[in-house]
Amino acid sequence: MWGMPEGSYDFDELPELTQYSLVALVILFTLTFIFFIGSIVTSSTSKKKLLKNGKEAPAKILNIYETGTTVNNSYMVGFELEVMPKHAPKFSTTTEQLVSRLRIHEFEVGKNVLVAYDPKTFEATIIGKIQEKVDT
């Protein structure tokens, strides 16, 4: 350490500023880890809830964007969607979900997908792709 003789030290022997810095680093790393895991768990829980209780509808992909996150060689991809329920007005929403590198080619702007959505919050998640053209 700067200004200190070589060797190992107990935590109490370190300068006060170094102690505070180390404690701050541990807290920062812990909060970052909790936030990262929490966001994945929340996203997964929300998707399960939509799959269980949501209504199905076709949707058109308006935009696709990178989120910069990769989990187990799958990309976290953002989608802007125009959801077209049969007995309700169209609405736009965004969703992010993991897409396998092997399936990334299936999602293109202009393609139609099947979504599960919540009519109250307009939250949606992609549950499959649609082969036939959807009337808008």
C-alpha atoms as a PDB file:
ATOM      1  CA  MET A   1       0.000   0.000   0.000  1.00  0.00           C
ATOM      2  CA  TRP A   2       1.080   3.554  -0.539  1.00  0.00           C
ATOM      3  CA  GLY A   3       3.106   4.844   2.371  1.00  0.00           C
ATOM      4  CA  MET A   4       2.889   1.570   4.285  1.00  0.00           C
ATOM      5  CA  PRO A   5       5.503  -1.173   4.623  1.00  0.00           C
ATOM      6  CA  GLU A   6       5.064  -4.367   2.609  1.00  0.00           C
ATOM      7  CA  GLY A   7       3.204  -7.261   4.218  1.00  0.00           C
ATOM      8  CA  SER A   8      -0.279  -8.312   5.181  1.00  0.00           C
ATOM      9  CA  TYR A   9      -2.524  -6.319   7.485  1.00  0.00           C
ATOM     10  CA  ASP A  10      -5.646  -6.880   9.532  1.00  0.00           C
ATOM     11  CA  PHE A  11      -8.608  -4.738   8.516  1.00  0.00           C
ATOM     12  CA  ASP A  12      -8.215  -2.636  11.690  1.00  0.00           C
ATOM     13  CA  GLU A  13      -4.609  -1.806  10.753  1.00  0.00           C
ATOM     14  CA  LEU A  14      -5.572  -0.249   7.406  1.00  0.00           C
ATOM     15  CA  PRO A  15      -5.933   3.525   7.125  1.00  0.00           C
ATOM     16  CA  GLU A  16      -9.459   4.788   7.828  1.00  0.00           C
ATOM     17  CA  LEU A  17     -10.044   6.013   4.253  1.00  0.00           C
ATOM     18  CA  THR A  18      -9.067   2.582   2.890  1.00  0.00           C
ATOM     19  CA  GLN A  19     -11.478   0.878   5.291  1.00  0.00           C
ATOM     20  CA  TYR A  20     -14.353   3.117   4.160  1.00  0.00           C
ATOM     21  CA  SER A  21     -13.462   2.533   0.508  1.00  0.00           C
ATOM     22  CA  LEU A  22     -13.448  -1.248   0.930  1.00  0.00           C
ATOM     23  CA  VAL A  23     -16.805  -1.201   2.752  1.00  0.00           C
ATOM     24  CA  ALA A  24     -18.288   1.027   0.021  1.00  0.00           C
ATOM     25  CA  LEU A  25     -17.009  -1.358  -2.680  1.00  0.00           C
ATOM     26  CA  VAL A  26     -18.536  -4.402  -0.974  1.00  0.00           C
ATOM     27  CA  ILE A  27     -21.877  -2.585  -0.625  1.00  0.00           C
ATOM     28  CA  LEU A  28     -21.763  -1.450  -4.267  1.00  0.00           C
ATOM     29  CA  PHE A  29     -21.038  -4.953  -5.579  1.00  0.00           C
ATOM     30  CA  THR A  30     -23.730  -6.469  -3.356  1.00  0.00           C
ATOM     31  CA  LEU A  31     -26.388  -3.986  -4.501  1.00  0.00           C
ATOM     32  CA  THR A  32     -25.413  -4.483  -8.151  1.00  0.00           C
ATOM     33  CA  PHE A  33     -25.735  -8.257  -7.782  1.00  0.00           C
ATOM     34  CA  ILE A  34     -29.108  -7.958  -6.005  1.00  0.00           C
ATOM     35  CA  PHE A  35     -30.412  -5.545  -8.660  1.00  0.00           C
ATOM     36  CA  PHE A  36     -29.291  -7.802 -11.526  1.00  0.00           C
ATOM     37  CA  ILE A  37     -30.775 -10.976 -10.047  1.00  0.00           C
ATOM     38  CA  GLY A  38     -33.900  -9.103  -8.936  1.00  0.00           C
ATOM     39  CA  SER A  39     -34.569  -7.749 -12.423  1.00  0.00           C
ATOM     40  CA  ILE A  40     -34.269 -11.221 -13.962  1.00  0.00           C
ATOM     41  CA  VAL A  41     -36.567 -12.764 -11.320  1.00  0.00           C
ATOM     42  CA  THR A  42     -39.129  -9.947 -11.681  1.00  0.00           C
ATOM     43  CA  SER A  43     -39.095 -10.262 -15.458  1.00  0.00           C
ATOM     44  CA  SER A  44     -39.541 -14.025 -15.241  1.00  0.00           C
ATOM     45  CA  THR A  45     -42.394 -13.699 -12.715  1.00  0.00           C
ATOM     46  CA  SER A  46     -44.149 -11.105 -14.866  1.00  0.00           C
ATOM     47  CA  LYS A  47     -43.875 -13.316 -17.955  1.00  0.00           C
ATOM     48  CA  LYS A  48     -45.257 -16.340 -16.077  1.00  0.00           C
ATOM     49  CA  LYS A  49     -48.193 -14.237 -14.873  1.00  0.00           C
ATOM     50  CA  LEU A  50     -48.935 -13.060 -18.420  1.00  0.00           C
ATOM     51  CA  LEU A  51     -48.709 -16.600 -19.767  1.00  0.00           C
ATOM     52  CA  LYS A  52     -51.113 -17.845 -17.092  1.00  0.00           C
ATOM     53  CA  ASN A  53     -53.646 -14.993 -16.920  1.00  0.00           C
ATOM     54  CA  GLY A  54     -53.077 -12.939 -20.071  1.00  0.00           C
ATOM     55  CA  LYS A  55     -55.144 -12.823 -23.236  1.00  0.00           C
ATOM     56  CA  GLU A  56     -53.671 -13.908 -26.557  1.00  0.00           C
ATOM     57  CA  ALA A  57     -53.548 -11.619 -29.565  1.00  0.00           C
ATOM     58  CA  PRO A  58     -51.512 -11.133 -32.720  1.00  0.00           C
ATOM     59  CA  ALA A  59     -48.934  -8.350 -32.735  1.00  0.00           C
ATOM     60  CA  LYS A  60     -46.712  -6.749 -35.335  1.00  0.00           C
ATOM     61  CA  ILE A  61     -43.040  -6.086 -34.558  1.00  0.00           C
ATOM     62  CA  LEU A  62     -42.468  -2.358 -35.102  1.00  0.00           C
ATOM     63  CA  ASN A  63     -38.881  -2.169 -33.878  1.00  0.00           C
ATOM     64  CA  ILE A  64     -36.189  -4.417 -32.416  1.00  0.00           C
ATOM     65  CA  TYR A  65     -33.359  -3.096 -30.270  1.00  0.00           C
ATOM     66  CA  GLU A  66     -30.397  -4.483 -28.377  1.00  0.00           C
ATOM     67  CA  THR A  67     -30.385  -4.222 -24.610  1.00  0.00           C
ATOM     68  CA  GLY A  68     -26.725  -5.171 -24.272  1.00  0.00           C
ATOM     69  CA  THR A  69     -27.472  -8.136 -22.001  1.00  0.00           C
ATOM     70  CA  THR A  70     -26.556 -11.740 -22.744  1.00  0.00           C
ATOM     71  CA  VAL A  71     -27.602 -14.635 -20.503  1.00  0.00           C
ATOM     72  CA  ASN A  72     -26.309 -18.159 -21.194  1.00  0.00           C
ATOM     73  CA  ASN A  73     -25.564 -17.341 -24.851  1.00  0.00           C
ATOM     74  CA  SER A  74     -29.047 -15.879 -25.399  1.00  0.00           C
ATOM     75  CA  TYR A  75     -29.627 -12.224 -26.188  1.00  0.00           C
ATOM     76  CA  MET A  76     -31.942 -10.006 -24.165  1.00  0.00           C
ATOM     77  CA  VAL A  77     -33.778  -8.242 -26.994  1.00  0.00           C
ATOM     78  CA  GLY A  78     -36.209  -5.355 -26.811  1.00  0.00           C
ATOM     79  CA  PHE A  79     -39.312  -5.290 -28.990  1.00  0.00           C
ATOM     80  CA  GLU A  80     -41.710  -2.480 -29.806  1.00  0.00           C
ATOM     81  CA  LEU A  81     -45.014  -4.127 -30.681  1.00  0.00           C
ATOM     82  CA  GLU A  82     -48.395  -3.123 -32.046  1.00  0.00           C
ATOM     83  CA  VAL A  83     -50.847  -5.495 -30.373  1.00  0.00           C
ATOM     84  CA  MET A  84     -54.086  -6.141 -32.278  1.00  0.00           C
ATOM     85  CA  PRO A  85     -56.703  -7.738 -30.002  1.00  0.00           C
ATOM     86  CA  LYS A  86     -59.864  -9.014 -31.727  1.00  0.00           C
ATOM     87  CA  HIS A  87     -62.399  -7.194 -29.553  1.00  0.00           C
ATOM     88  CA  ALA A  88     -60.399  -4.187 -28.380  1.00  0.00           C
ATOM     89  CA  PRO A  89     -58.508  -1.287 -29.959  1.00  0.00           C
ATOM     90  CA  LYS A  90     -54.894  -1.692 -31.085  1.00  0.00           C
ATOM     91  CA  PHE A  91     -52.179  -0.523 -28.743  1.00  0.00           C
ATOM     92  CA  SER A  92     -48.402  -0.212 -28.747  1.00  0.00           C
ATOM     93  CA  THR A  93     -46.165  -1.629 -26.060  1.00  0.00           C
ATOM     94  CA  THR A  94     -42.572  -2.654 -25.466  1.00  0.00           C
ATOM     95  CA  THR A  95     -41.202  -5.856 -24.039  1.00  0.00           C
ATOM     96  CA  GLU A  96     -37.790  -7.376 -23.441  1.00  0.00           C
ATOM     97  CA  GLN A  97     -37.075 -11.061 -23.491  1.00  0.00           C
ATOM     98  CA  LEU A  98     -34.346 -13.591 -23.992  1.00  0.00           C
ATOM     99  CA  VAL A  99     -33.997 -14.923 -27.524  1.00  0.00           C
ATOM    100  CA  SER A 100     -31.720 -17.826 -28.379  1.00  0.00           C
ATOM    101  CA  ARG A 101     -28.942 -17.079 -30.847  1.00  0.00           C
ATOM    102  CA  LEU A 102     -30.398 -19.883 -32.968  1.00  0.00           C
ATOM    103  CA  ARG A 103     -33.847 -18.211 -33.114  1.00  0.00           C
ATOM    104  CA  ILE A 104     -32.815 -14.555 -33.494  1.00  0.00           C
ATOM    105  CA  HIS A 105     -33.494 -14.690 -37.261  1.00  0.00           C
ATOM    106  CA  GLU A 106     -37.187 -15.466 -36.596  1.00  0.00           C
ATOM    107  CA  PHE A 107     -37.804 -11.971 -35.225  1.00  0.00           C
ATOM    108  CA  GLU A 108     -37.746  -9.201 -37.823  1.00  0.00           C
ATOM    109  CA  VAL A 109     -39.412  -5.807 -38.087  1.00  0.00           C
ATOM    110  CA  GLY A 110     -42.773  -6.203 -39.841  1.00  0.00           C
ATOM    111  CA  LYS A 111     -43.272  -9.853 -38.849  1.00  0.00           C
ATOM    112  CA  ASN A 112     -46.316 -10.909 -36.860  1.00  0.00           C
ATOM    113  CA  VAL A 113     -46.023 -12.722 -33.561  1.00  0.00           C
ATOM    114  CA  LEU A 114     -48.436 -14.103 -30.994  1.00  0.00           C
ATOM    115  CA  VAL A 115     -48.394 -12.336 -27.637  1.00  0.00           C
ATOM    116  CA  ALA A 116     -49.969 -12.759 -24.243  1.00  0.00           C
ATOM    117  CA  TYR A 117     -51.070  -9.382 -22.872  1.00  0.00           C
ATOM    118  CA  ASP A 118     -52.734  -7.820 -19.867  1.00  0.00           C
ATOM    119  CA  PRO A 119     -55.669  -5.629 -20.999  1.00  0.00           C
ATOM    120  CA  LYS A 120     -55.365  -3.456 -17.878  1.00  0.00           C
ATOM    121  CA  THR A 121     -51.644  -2.620 -17.995  1.00  0.00           C
ATOM    122  CA  PHE A 122     -51.021  -3.269 -21.733  1.00  0.00           C
ATOM    123  CA  GLU A 123     -47.972  -5.311 -20.749  1.00  0.00           C
ATOM    124  CA  ALA A 124     -47.185  -8.054 -23.278  1.00  0.00           C
ATOM    125  CA  THR A 125     -44.786 -10.902 -23.916  1.00  0.00           C
ATOM    126  CA  ILE A 126     -44.117 -12.791 -27.126  1.00  0.00           C
ATOM    127  CA  ILE A 127     -45.221 -16.411 -26.950  1.00  0.00           C
ATOM    128  CA  GLY A 128     -44.795 -17.522 -30.565  1.00  0.00           C
ATOM    129  CA  LYS A 129     -44.720 -16.585 -34.186  1.00  0.00           C
ATOM    130  CA  ILE A 130     -47.622 -16.403 -36.622  1.00  0.00           C
ATOM    131  CA  GLN A 131     -47.236 -17.858 -40.091  1.00  0.00           C
ATOM    132  CA  GLU A 132     -50.281 -16.314 -41.767  1.00  0.00           C
ATOM    133  CA  LYS A 133     -50.828 -12.620 -42.467  1.00  0.00           C
ATOM    134  CA  VAL A 134     -52.896 -10.760 -39.871  1.00  0.00           C
ATOM    135  CA  ASP A 135     -55.560  -8.280 -41.031  1.00  0.00           C
ATOM    136  CA  THR A 136     -54.940  -4.865 -39.491  1.00  0.00           C
END
